[in-house]
């Protein structure tokens, strides 16, 4: 189908902007400012929660800020989703994904622990991943202290955060824990080598571009060889067995669509459970755009149903998802 009119309106506004947009900027500080400013435009209204608290998790090199979202519920021990925000490893924060985390906590009826991992280029690969693993291990060891159930712990993220979540799943599998019951990968970047032989589909004209991806890659990675490291490109790992069930959500007009779809297929080929849902007419980042894009609510509902299914019945309930 053609690009959705609501997404086209956003692209038109970006094209007519007086100055660079977040995906055009090549200065980290400016990109961070623009991305944060867009949050006020895109973020939808959110429901009340029992609590939203900032908490610092002690790390080896530095303490890691997190934000814990607790829904209104009478359940004493809630399942937990450790969430990594997107932003190309260069921008994004607890605040830019605050609305998304509030909605997920409310609709999935789970605790959300959002991770403010260190950003590139000041902190290159694998620093951001190490921060996420530190928080994941802390949650597994301390879930009860925040009202969580350590036996029902999932991980997730959007875009760069999806990359970190997918990589973290492989790391903890190889280390023997913490145990994870699910991975929620929202239009994830999983293969830095994807554009080395041919341009990506949808690589220009849809917001996120090949050029922007290349800039973010160069900010994040130490050198080109890092692109072939499965911890940077989890989609190219030789061993994809033994990973938790996954829901992979993609946007039709997203340069990351093909690699994310291929990752779902590879997980299934390795004997795992991976449901791929593509949202026609959508662009990268649409799930943060609920104030302007109606389909964001549909995708959020799919993610929440999958989480509730895993947390309550141990199954993703694929028949109840929008899937294609």
Protein backbone atom coordinates (compact mmCIF):
# COMPACT_ATOMS: atom_id res chain seq x y z
CA UNK A 1 0.00 0.00 0.00
CA UNK A 2 1.17 3.62 -0.37
CA UNK A 3 2.65 5.48 2.55
CA UNK A 4 -0.01 6.40 5.08
CA UNK A 5 -1.22 10.03 4.79
CA UNK A 6 -0.43 10.66 8.45
CA UNK A 7 3.16 9.52 7.91
CA UNK A 8 3.39 11.51 4.69
CA UNK A 9 2.34 14.63 6.57
CA UNK A 10 5.22 14.10 8.99
CA UNK A 11 7.68 13.60 6.14
CA UNK A 12 6.38 16.74 4.42
CA UNK A 13 6.87 18.74 7.61
CA UNK A 14 10.43 17.41 7.89
CA UNK A 15 11.14 18.33 4.27
CA UNK A 16 9.80 21.85 4.82
CA UNK A 17 11.61 22.39 8.11
CA UNK A 18 13.69 25.52 8.44
CA UNK A 19 16.95 23.78 9.30
CA UNK A 20 18.13 20.19 9.71
CA UNK A 21 15.89 17.47 11.09
CA UNK A 22 17.12 14.89 13.56
CA UNK A 23 18.04 12.46 10.77
CA UNK A 24 19.86 15.19 8.81
CA UNK A 25 21.92 16.48 11.71
CA UNK A 26 25.51 15.30 11.97
CA UNK A 27 26.21 16.88 15.35
CA UNK A 28 25.32 14.67 18.32
CA UNK A 29 24.27 17.55 20.58
CA UNK A 30 22.00 19.02 17.91
CA UNK A 31 20.52 15.61 17.05
CA UNK A 32 19.74 15.06 20.74
CA UNK A 33 18.05 18.44 21.00
CA UNK A 34 15.94 17.86 17.89
CA UNK A 35 14.93 14.35 18.94
CA UNK A 36 13.89 15.55 22.38
CA UNK A 37 11.93 18.44 20.88
CA UNK A 38 10.01 16.04 18.66
CA UNK A 39 8.78 14.17 21.72
CA UNK A 40 6.43 17.00 22.66
CA UNK A 41 4.89 16.88 19.18
CA UNK A 42 4.60 13.12 18.79
CA UNK A 43 3.83 11.76 22.27
CA UNK A 44 0.19 10.83 22.98
CA UNK A 45 -1.70 11.27 26.22
CA UNK A 46 -0.93 8.56 28.76
CA UNK A 47 -3.00 6.87 31.49
CA UNK A 48 -2.29 7.20 35.22
CA UNK A 49 0.10 4.70 36.79
CA UNK A 50 0.63 3.69 40.39
CA UNK A 51 4.12 5.17 40.33
CA UNK A 52 6.96 6.37 38.13
CA UNK A 53 10.29 6.47 39.93
CA UNK A 54 13.85 7.22 38.92
CA UNK A 55 16.43 4.81 40.30
CA UNK A 56 20.19 4.57 39.82
CA UNK A 57 21.63 1.10 39.24
CA UNK A 58 25.26 0.73 40.36
CA UNK A 59 27.63 -0.17 37.56
CA UNK A 60 31.31 -1.05 37.34
CA UNK A 61 32.41 2.11 35.53
CA UNK A 62 29.48 4.39 36.37
CA UNK A 63 26.03 4.32 37.85
CA UNK A 64 23.21 3.87 35.32
CA UNK A 65 20.00 5.94 35.56
CA UNK A 66 16.76 4.01 35.09
CA UNK A 67 13.07 4.82 35.35
CA UNK A 68 10.62 2.30 36.81
CA UNK A 69 6.98 2.35 35.73
CA UNK A 70 4.47 0.52 37.93
CA UNK A 71 0.89 0.11 36.63
CA UNK A 72 -2.29 0.36 38.67
CA UNK A 73 -2.82 -3.25 39.75
CA UNK A 74 -3.41 -5.27 42.87
CA UNK A 75 -0.84 -7.91 41.87
CA UNK A 76 1.98 -8.07 44.41
CA UNK A 77 4.75 -9.33 42.11
CA UNK A 78 4.57 -8.05 38.55
CA UNK A 79 6.39 -9.31 35.46
CA UNK A 80 9.16 -7.02 34.25
CA UNK A 81 10.17 -5.62 30.86
CA UNK A 82 13.66 -4.11 30.74
CA UNK A 83 13.40 -1.53 27.98
CA UNK A 84 16.10 0.20 25.90
CA UNK A 85 15.16 3.37 24.04
CA UNK A 86 15.97 4.04 20.40
CA UNK A 87 17.90 6.93 18.93
CA UNK A 88 20.67 5.45 16.83
CA UNK A 89 22.91 4.87 19.88
CA UNK A 90 23.57 8.64 19.71
CA UNK A 91 20.38 10.29 21.02
CA UNK A 92 17.24 9.39 22.96
CA UNK A 93 16.70 9.27 26.71
CA UNK A 94 14.34 8.22 29.47
CA UNK A 95 12.23 11.27 28.62
CA UNK A 96 11.97 10.70 24.85
CA UNK A 97 10.41 7.28 25.46
CA UNK A 98 8.49 8.13 28.61
CA UNK A 99 5.06 8.02 26.96
CA UNK A 100 5.78 4.71 25.22
CA UNK A 101 6.92 3.13 28.49
CA UNK A 102 3.89 4.48 30.37
CA UNK A 103 1.56 2.99 27.78
CA UNK A 104 3.33 -0.37 27.75
CA UNK A 105 3.27 -0.58 31.55
CA UNK A 106 -0.46 0.18 31.62
CA UNK A 107 -1.55 -2.03 28.73
CA UNK A 108 0.78 -4.98 29.34
CA UNK A 109 0.23 -4.78 33.13
CA UNK A 110 3.91 -5.12 33.88
CA UNK A 111 6.77 -3.20 35.41
CA UNK A 112 8.90 -1.34 32.89
CA UNK A 113 12.53 -0.63 33.76
CA UNK A 114 13.74 1.90 31.19
CA UNK A 115 17.53 2.14 30.81
CA UNK A 116 19.43 5.39 30.25
CA UNK A 117 22.51 3.72 28.77
CA UNK A 118 25.54 5.78 27.79
CA UNK A 119 25.48 7.22 24.28
CA UNK A 120 27.88 7.40 21.36
CA UNK A 121 30.13 8.88 20.15
CA UNK A 122 31.32 9.68 23.68
CA UNK A 123 30.81 6.03 24.60
CA UNK A 124 31.33 3.62 21.74
CA UNK A 125 30.46 -0.05 21.30
CA UNK A 126 30.07 -2.05 23.47
CA UNK A 127 29.55 0.46 26.31
CA UNK A 128 25.82 0.93 25.75
CA UNK A 129 25.30 -2.82 25.62
CA UNK A 130 27.31 -3.30 28.81
CA UNK A 131 25.09 -0.77 30.60
CA UNK A 132 21.98 -2.64 29.49
CA UNK A 133 23.41 -5.95 30.67
CA UNK A 134 24.29 -4.41 34.03
CA UNK A 135 20.71 -3.25 34.53
CA UNK A 136 19.32 -6.58 33.34
CA UNK A 137 21.47 -8.45 35.86
CA UNK A 138 20.47 -6.00 38.60
CA UNK A 139 16.78 -6.51 37.83
CA UNK A 140 17.17 -10.28 37.91
CA UNK A 141 18.84 -10.07 41.32
CA UNK A 142 16.67 -7.32 42.82
CA UNK A 143 13.27 -7.65 41.15
CA UNK A 144 11.48 -8.26 44.43
CA UNK A 145 12.71 -4.93 45.80
CA UNK A 146 10.80 -3.07 43.08
CA UNK A 147 7.73 -5.29 43.13
CA UNK A 148 8.86 -7.51 40.27
CA UNK A 149 8.86 -11.24 39.60
CA UNK A 150 12.35 -12.36 38.52
CA UNK A 151 10.93 -15.53 36.94
CA UNK A 152 8.99 -13.40 34.43
CA UNK A 153 11.57 -11.02 33.02
CA UNK A 154 11.54 -9.86 29.38
CA UNK A 155 13.70 -7.45 27.42
CA UNK A 156 12.83 -5.05 24.63
CA UNK A 157 13.54 -1.86 22.78
CA UNK A 158 12.94 0.11 19.64
CA UNK A 159 15.42 0.72 16.80
CA UNK A 160 18.88 0.96 18.40
CA UNK A 161 17.24 -0.24 21.61
CA UNK A 162 15.99 -3.29 19.72
CA UNK A 163 19.57 -3.92 18.64
CA UNK A 164 20.73 -3.79 22.26
CA UNK A 165 17.90 -6.06 23.40
CA UNK A 166 18.62 -8.67 20.71
CA UNK A 167 22.35 -8.61 21.47
CA UNK A 168 21.71 -8.86 25.21
CA UNK A 169 19.60 -11.99 24.65
CA UNK A 170 22.53 -13.66 22.93
CA UNK A 171 24.99 -12.59 25.64
CA UNK A 172 22.92 -13.89 28.56
CA UNK A 173 22.22 -17.14 26.71
CA UNK A 174 25.95 -17.71 26.34
CA UNK A 175 26.66 -16.68 29.94
CA UNK A 176 23.92 -18.89 31.35
CA UNK A 177 21.60 -16.16 32.63
CA UNK A 178 19.71 -14.15 33.66
CA UNK A 179 16.81 -16.11 32.22
CA UNK A 180 14.54 -14.17 29.85
CA UNK A 181 11.05 -15.21 28.80
CA UNK A 182 10.60 -12.86 25.82
CA UNK A 183 12.18 -10.26 23.55
CA UNK A 184 10.17 -7.35 22.14
CA UNK A 185 12.01 -5.91 19.14
CA UNK A 186 10.39 -2.80 17.67
CA UNK A 187 11.79 -2.02 14.19
CA UNK A 188 15.23 -3.17 15.39
CA UNK A 189 18.57 -2.52 13.72
CA UNK A 190 20.22 -5.94 13.71
CA UNK A 191 22.77 -5.91 10.88
CA UNK A 192 25.38 -3.20 10.37
CA UNK A 193 26.65 -5.13 7.33
CA UNK A 194 23.28 -4.87 5.54
CA UNK A 195 24.32 -1.96 3.30
CA UNK A 196 27.83 -3.17 2.51
CA UNK A 197 26.90 -4.91 -0.74
CA UNK A 198 23.83 -2.96 -1.87
CA UNK A 199 21.74 -0.01 -0.67
CA UNK A 200 18.90 -0.80 1.69
CA UNK A 201 15.31 -0.70 0.50
CA UNK A 202 13.58 2.53 1.57
CA UNK A 203 17.01 4.08 2.08
CA UNK A 204 15.95 7.62 1.20
CA UNK A 205 12.82 9.73 1.30
CA UNK A 206 11.23 8.16 4.38
CA UNK A 207 12.86 10.00 7.28
CA UNK A 208 15.54 7.59 8.45
CA UNK A 209 18.01 7.24 5.56
CA UNK A 210 21.03 5.19 4.57
CA UNK A 211 23.17 8.28 5.14
CA UNK A 212 21.81 8.77 8.65
CA UNK A 213 22.32 5.09 9.47
CA UNK A 214 25.91 5.29 8.26
CA UNK A 215 26.57 8.33 10.46
CA UNK A 216 25.07 6.63 13.51
CA UNK A 217 27.07 3.48 12.77
CA UNK A 218 30.30 5.48 12.61
CA UNK A 219 29.42 7.23 15.87
CA UNK A 220 28.73 3.93 17.64
CA UNK A 221 31.34 1.53 16.29
CA UNK A 222 35.07 1.82 16.93
CA UNK A 223 36.02 0.71 13.41
CA UNK A 224 34.46 -1.10 10.44
CA UNK A 225 35.40 -4.51 11.84
CA UNK A 226 32.94 -4.04 14.71
CA UNK A 227 30.12 -4.31 12.16
CA UNK A 228 30.82 -8.04 11.86
CA UNK A 229 30.67 -8.62 15.63
CA UNK A 230 27.36 -10.32 16.52
CA UNK A 231 27.15 -8.15 19.63
CA UNK A 232 26.89 -5.16 17.30
CA UNK A 233 25.04 -7.01 14.52
CA UNK A 234 23.02 -9.73 16.30
CA UNK A 235 21.30 -10.61 13.03
CA UNK A 236 24.47 -12.17 11.63
CA UNK A 237 25.24 -14.42 14.60
CA UNK A 238 25.95 -18.01 13.57
CA UNK A 239 24.10 -19.45 16.56
CA UNK A 240 20.53 -18.22 17.00
CA UNK A 241 19.28 -21.23 18.92
CA UNK A 242 18.13 -21.15 22.51
CA UNK A 243 16.89 -17.56 22.46
CA UNK A 244 13.63 -16.38 24.05
CA UNK A 245 10.47 -16.03 21.95
CA UNK A 246 10.37 -12.80 19.99
CA UNK A 247 7.86 -10.34 18.61
CA UNK A 248 9.48 -8.31 15.84
CA UNK A 249 7.51 -5.29 14.65
CA UNK A 250 8.45 -3.48 11.45
CA UNK A 251 7.29 -0.52 9.38
CA UNK A 252 6.77 -0.96 5.64
CA UNK A 253 8.71 2.17 4.61
CA UNK A 254 11.67 1.67 6.94
CA UNK A 255 15.23 0.98 5.77
CA UNK A 256 15.53 -1.46 8.69
CA UNK A 257 12.50 -3.49 7.56
CA UNK A 258 14.34 -6.13 5.55
CA UNK A 259 17.02 -6.96 8.13
CA UNK A 260 14.44 -7.17 10.93
CA UNK A 261 12.23 -9.48 8.85
CA UNK A 262 15.26 -11.61 8.00
CA UNK A 263 16.10 -11.85 11.71
CA UNK A 264 12.63 -13.20 12.48
CA UNK A 265 13.05 -15.78 9.74
CA UNK A 266 16.50 -16.75 11.03
CA UNK A 267 15.21 -17.17 14.59
CA UNK A 268 12.49 -19.49 13.32
CA UNK A 269 14.97 -21.42 11.19
CA UNK A 270 17.05 -21.97 14.34
CA UNK A 271 14.04 -23.55 16.04
CA UNK A 272 12.83 -20.52 17.96
CA UNK A 273 9.53 -18.68 18.15
CA UNK A 274 9.49 -15.37 16.30
CA UNK A 275 6.36 -13.53 15.22
CA UNK A 276 6.90 -10.79 12.66
CA UNK A 277 4.25 -8.11 12.22
CA UNK A 278 4.69 -5.50 9.51
CA UNK A 279 2.62 -2.31 9.61
CA UNK A 280 1.70 -1.17 6.09
CA UNK A 281 2.22 2.46 5.20
CA UNK A 282 4.31 3.18 8.30
CA UNK A 283 7.74 4.79 8.69
CA UNK A 284 10.56 4.23 11.15
CA UNK A 285 9.75 5.49 14.64
CA UNK A 286 5.96 5.50 14.21
CA UNK A 287 5.26 3.89 17.56
CA UNK A 288 6.50 7.04 19.32
CA UNK A 289 4.13 9.14 17.19
CA UNK A 290 0.79 8.26 18.74
CA UNK A 291 -0.34 11.88 18.83
CA UNK A 292 -0.11 12.02 15.03
CA UNK A 293 -0.21 8.42 13.76
CA UNK A 294 -3.21 6.26 14.65
CA UNK A 295 -1.44 3.01 13.76
CA UNK A 296 0.88 3.54 16.71
CA UNK A 297 -1.95 2.50 19.03
CA UNK A 298 -2.50 -0.68 16.99
CA UNK A 299 1.17 -1.64 17.19
CA UNK A 300 1.27 -0.83 20.89
CA UNK A 301 -1.77 -3.04 21.44
CA UNK A 302 -0.04 -5.91 19.62
CA UNK A 303 3.08 -5.52 21.75
CA UNK A 304 1.02 -5.39 24.95
CA UNK A 305 -1.04 -8.46 24.03
CA UNK A 306 2.12 -10.40 23.28
CA UNK A 307 3.66 -9.41 26.61
CA UNK A 308 0.50 -10.29 28.55
CA UNK A 309 0.32 -13.63 26.77
CA UNK A 310 3.90 -14.52 27.63
CA UNK A 311 3.62 -13.30 31.19
CA UNK A 312 0.31 -15.02 31.99
CA UNK A 313 0.21 -18.11 29.79
CA UNK A 314 3.74 -18.54 28.46
CA UNK A 315 2.55 -17.99 24.87
CA UNK A 316 2.53 -14.97 22.57
CA UNK A 317 -1.11 -15.51 21.52
CA UNK A 318 -0.28 -14.92 17.87
CA UNK A 319 -3.89 -15.46 16.85
CA UNK A 320 -4.89 -12.39 18.82
CA UNK A 321 -2.28 -10.16 17.26
CA UNK A 322 -2.81 -8.11 14.16
CA UNK A 323 -0.07 -10.14 12.34
CA UNK A 324 0.26 -10.64 8.62
